[in-house]
Every structure is written in structure tokens, then in C-alpha cells.
C-alpha atoms as a PDB file:
ATOM      1  CA  MET A   1      76.714 124.962 125.680  1.00  0.00           C
ATOM      2  CA  LYS A   2      75.130 123.226 122.738  1.00  0.00           C
ATOM      3  CA  LYS A   3      72.658 125.013 120.506  1.00  0.00           C
ATOM      4  CA  LYS A   4      69.141 123.707 120.219  1.00  0.00           C
ATOM      5  CA  PRO A   5      68.518 121.872 116.939  1.00  0.00           C
ATOM      6  CA  SER A   6      66.325 123.470 114.347  1.00  0.00           C
ATOM      7  CA  SER A   7      62.737 122.257 114.474  1.00  0.00           C
ATOM      8  CA  SER A   8      62.811 121.693 110.707  1.00  0.00           C
ATOM      9  CA  SER A   9      65.769 119.353 110.930  1.00  0.00           C
ATOM     10  CA  ALA A  10      64.207 116.287 109.333  1.00  0.00           C
ATOM     11  CA  LYS A  11      61.985 117.016 106.345  1.00  0.00           C
ATOM     12  CA  PRO A  12      62.592 115.818 102.767  1.00  0.00           C
ATOM     13  CA  VAL A  13      62.921 118.491 100.083  1.00  0.00           C
ATOM     14  CA  GLN A  14      59.761 118.600  97.948  1.00  0.00           C
ATOM     15  CA  ASP A  15      61.385 118.430  94.503  1.00  0.00           C
ATOM     16  CA  ARG A  16      63.988 115.950  95.727  1.00  0.00           C
ATOM     17  CA  SER A  17      61.922 113.379  97.590  1.00  0.00           C
ATOM     18  CA  ASN A  18      64.948 111.113  97.965  1.00  0.00           C
ATOM     19  CA  VAL A  19      67.048 113.803  99.729  1.00  0.00           C
ATOM     20  CA  LEU A  20      66.776 114.410 103.475  1.00  0.00           C
ATOM     21  CA  PRO A  21      68.507 117.634 104.518  1.00  0.00           C
ATOM     22  CA  LEU A  22      69.399 117.745 108.207  1.00  0.00           C
ATOM     23  CA  LYS A  23      70.359 120.804 110.255  1.00  0.00           C
ATOM     24  CA  GLY A  24      71.780 121.569 113.667  1.00  0.00           C
ATOM     25  CA  GLU A  25      72.770 118.931 116.168  1.00  0.00           C
ATOM     26  CA  ILE A  26      71.643 115.353 115.590  1.00  0.00           C
ATOM     27  CA  ASP A  27      71.600 113.889 119.066  1.00  0.00           C
ATOM     28  CA  LEU A  28      69.523 111.745 121.405  1.00  0.00           C
ATOM     29  CA  HIS A  29      66.689 114.292 121.368  1.00  0.00           C
ATOM     30  CA  VAL A  30      66.525 114.743 117.597  1.00  0.00           C
ATOM     31  CA  SER A  31      67.395 111.254 116.333  1.00  0.00           C
ATOM     32  CA  PRO A  32      63.845 109.829 116.814  1.00  0.00           C
ATOM     33  CA  SER A  33      62.448 112.415 114.364  1.00  0.00           C
ATOM     34  CA  VAL A  34      65.344 111.729 111.979  1.00  0.00           C
ATOM     35  CA  THR A  35      64.589 107.997 112.188  1.00  0.00           C
ATOM     36  CA  ALA A  36      60.887 108.643 111.541  1.00  0.00           C
ATOM     37  CA  SER A  37      61.654 110.793 108.477  1.00  0.00           C
ATOM     38  CA  LEU A  38      64.127 108.240 107.154  1.00  0.00           C
ATOM     39  CA  ASN A  39      61.665 105.373 107.657  1.00  0.00           C
ATOM     40  CA  GLU A  40      58.958 107.324 105.830  1.00  0.00           C
ATOM     41  CA  MET A  41      61.330 107.790 102.891  1.00  0.00           C
ATOM     42  CA  ILE A  42      62.554 104.174 103.021  1.00  0.00           C
ATOM     43  CA  ASP A  43      58.964 102.888 102.853  1.00  0.00           C
ATOM     44  CA  LYS A  44      58.852 104.332  99.300  1.00  0.00           C
ATOM     45  CA  LYS A  45      61.969 102.292  98.428  1.00  0.00           C
ATOM     46  CA  PRO A  46      63.902 104.952  96.502  1.00  0.00           C
ATOM     47  CA  LYS A  47      66.706 103.690  94.277  1.00  0.00           C
ATOM     48  CA  ARG A  48      69.052 106.014  96.172  1.00  0.00           C
ATOM     49  CA  LEU A  49      68.480 107.910  99.398  1.00  0.00           C
ATOM     50  CA  VAL A  50      70.737 110.894 100.120  1.00  0.00           C
ATOM     51  CA  VAL A  51      71.125 112.434 103.560  1.00  0.00           C
ATOM     52  CA  ASP A  52      72.422 116.002 103.237  1.00  0.00           C
ATOM     53  CA  LEU A  53      74.517 116.694 106.331  1.00  0.00           C
ATOM     54  CA  SER A  54      75.859 120.081 105.173  1.00  0.00           C
ATOM     55  CA  GLY A  55      73.794 121.869 107.835  1.00  0.00           C
ATOM     56  CA  VAL A  56      74.731 119.481 110.662  1.00  0.00           C
ATOM     57  CA  THR A  57      77.156 120.836 113.258  1.00  0.00           C
ATOM     58  CA  TYR A  58      77.273 117.789 115.549  1.00  0.00           C
ATOM     59  CA  ILE A  59      76.144 114.162 115.578  1.00  0.00           C
ATOM     60  CA  ASP A  60      76.263 111.778 118.549  1.00  0.00           C
ATOM     61  CA  SER A  61      76.001 107.999 118.800  1.00  0.00           C
ATOM     62  CA  ALA A  62      72.191 108.089 118.637  1.00  0.00           C
ATOM     63  CA  GLY A  63      72.364 110.035 115.383  1.00  0.00           C
ATOM     64  CA  LEU A  64      74.972 107.670 113.987  1.00  0.00           C
ATOM     65  CA  ALA A  65      72.802 104.699 114.973  1.00  0.00           C
ATOM     66  CA  ALA A  66      69.829 106.208 113.118  1.00  0.00           C
ATOM     67  CA  LEU A  67      71.943 106.529 109.965  1.00  0.00           C
ATOM     68  CA  ILE A  68      73.355 102.996 110.300  1.00  0.00           C
ATOM     69  CA  GLN A  69      69.883 101.485 110.711  1.00  0.00           C
ATOM     70  CA  ALA A  70      68.584 103.421 107.729  1.00  0.00           C
ATOM     71  CA  MET A  71      71.538 102.315 105.597  1.00  0.00           C
ATOM     72  CA  GLN A  72      70.887  98.676 106.508  1.00  0.00           C
ATOM     73  CA  LYS A  73      67.206  98.972 105.552  1.00  0.00           C
ATOM     74  CA  VAL A  74      67.991 100.634 102.222  1.00  0.00           C
ATOM     75  CA  GLU A  75      70.674  98.093 101.351  1.00  0.00           C
ATOM     76  CA  ALA A  76      68.311  95.248 102.313  1.00  0.00           C
ATOM     77  CA  TYR A  77      66.030  96.098  99.367  1.00  0.00           C
ATOM     78  CA  GLY A  78      68.952  96.833  97.031  1.00  0.00           C
ATOM     79  CA  GLY A  79      69.003 100.626  97.206  1.00  0.00           C
ATOM     80  CA  LYS A  80      71.912 102.981  97.828  1.00  0.00           C
ATOM     81  CA  PHE A  81      72.235 105.021 101.027  1.00  0.00           C
ATOM     82  CA  LEU A  82      74.480 108.045 100.541  1.00  0.00           C
ATOM     83  CA  LEU A  83      75.706 110.860 102.781  1.00  0.00           C
ATOM     84  CA  ALA A  84      76.651 114.285 101.467  1.00  0.00           C
ATOM     85  CA  GLY A  85      78.159 117.563 102.597  1.00  0.00           C
ATOM     86  CA  LEU A  86      79.797 116.633 105.894  1.00  0.00           C
ATOM     87  CA  GLN A  87      81.329 119.607 107.705  1.00  0.00           C
ATOM     88  CA  GLU A  88      84.828 119.070 109.068  1.00  0.00           C
ATOM     89  CA  THR A  89      83.664 118.559 112.675  1.00  0.00           C
ATOM     90  CA  VAL A  90      81.099 115.975 111.623  1.00  0.00           C
ATOM     91  CA  ARG A  91      83.533 114.310 109.216  1.00  0.00           C
ATOM     92  CA  SER A  92      86.019 113.848 112.072  1.00  0.00           C
ATOM     93  CA  ILE A  93      83.351 112.028 114.109  1.00  0.00           C
ATOM     94  CA  PHE A  94      82.819 109.644 111.171  1.00  0.00           C
ATOM     95  CA  GLU A  95      86.584 109.162 110.797  1.00  0.00           C
ATOM     96  CA  ILE A  96      87.217 108.514 114.506  1.00  0.00           C
ATOM     97  CA  SER A  97      84.455 105.906 114.560  1.00  0.00           C
ATOM     98  CA  ARG A  98      85.677 104.562 111.187  1.00  0.00           C
ATOM     99  CA  LEU A  99      82.194 105.008 109.771  1.00  0.00           C
ATOM    100  CA  ASP A 100      83.744 106.915 106.878  1.00  0.00           C
ATOM    101  CA  GLN A 101      84.717 103.441 105.650  1.00  0.00           C
ATOM    102  CA  VAL A 102      81.153 102.125 106.026  1.00  0.00           C
ATOM    103  CA  PHE A 103      79.110 104.912 104.425  1.00  0.00           C
ATOM    104  CA  GLN A 104      79.390 106.254 100.901  1.00  0.00           C
ATOM    105  CA  ILE A 105      80.194 109.926 101.506  1.00  0.00           C
ATOM    106  CA  PHE A 106      80.100 112.663  98.865  1.00  0.00           C
ATOM    107  CA  PRO A 107      81.218 116.288  99.049  1.00  0.00           C
ATOM    108  CA  ALA A 108      77.789 117.597  97.939  1.00  0.00           C
ATOM    109  CA  THR A 109      74.235 116.395  97.397  1.00  0.00           C
ATOM    110  CA  ASP A 110      74.446 116.825  93.611  1.00  0.00           C
ATOM    111  CA  ALA A 111      77.468 114.504  93.462  1.00  0.00           C
ATOM    112  CA  ALA A 112      75.608 111.875  95.503  1.00  0.00           C
ATOM    113  CA  LEU A 113      72.560 112.114  93.244  1.00  0.00           C
ATOM    114  CA  ARG A 114      74.758 111.395  90.205  1.00  0.00           C
ATOM    115  CA  GLU A 115      76.114 108.200  91.862  1.00  0.00           C
END
């Protein structure tokens, strides 16, 4: 049985307004709030937008779609969309879908911020 996602799964960190830390399972039920948070951040057109996935235990196709759409929007205005901190289970989902070749993935948020 899957755990319920944390209710605070899609809020930017105050001192890092271009970092969105996600937690729990990013699935059909959570992806709309992730999309809304990403769109709010994208509206500010940050030079780089980092999604911290270190707290994510699972992501389904709806979650992947939210990330793909956000990446396309960021790249459309010339920004960089970066993922950081993928756990092994989540990394394997990206590898199986070959999205590890589409996204720029970093081991930690700090490394992505230096990109």
C-alpha cells in the first residue's frame, strides 16, 4: 500500500525561491499542486529552476508529465530546468523511461545551483 503524500509537498524554500523541494509520492493526486507551484515559480522567470527530488519516494506518469511541461516552459524563455537528489527508486523510473537523457540531473541541490 502506498503512503499518502505529505501535504507540504510543493512549496518553494523561502531563501531559495528558485528551488522546489518535493516530498512523498508524486502521482495523479499530487501532480496538480506540483504543476501549480512550478507555474507560480516559472511566472517569475528564474534563470535556473531546481526541483529537489531527494524527498520523493515515487513518481508516476502524471508527475513526470508535470516536470516535462515545466522544463519546456522554462527552456522556452531561455532558463535552465534542473533536477536534484533523485533516490535510487526514482532514478530507475527516469532511466527506464529514458528521461535521464532529457533532464539535467544533479546529485544534490547545491550542485544544481552552481550549474
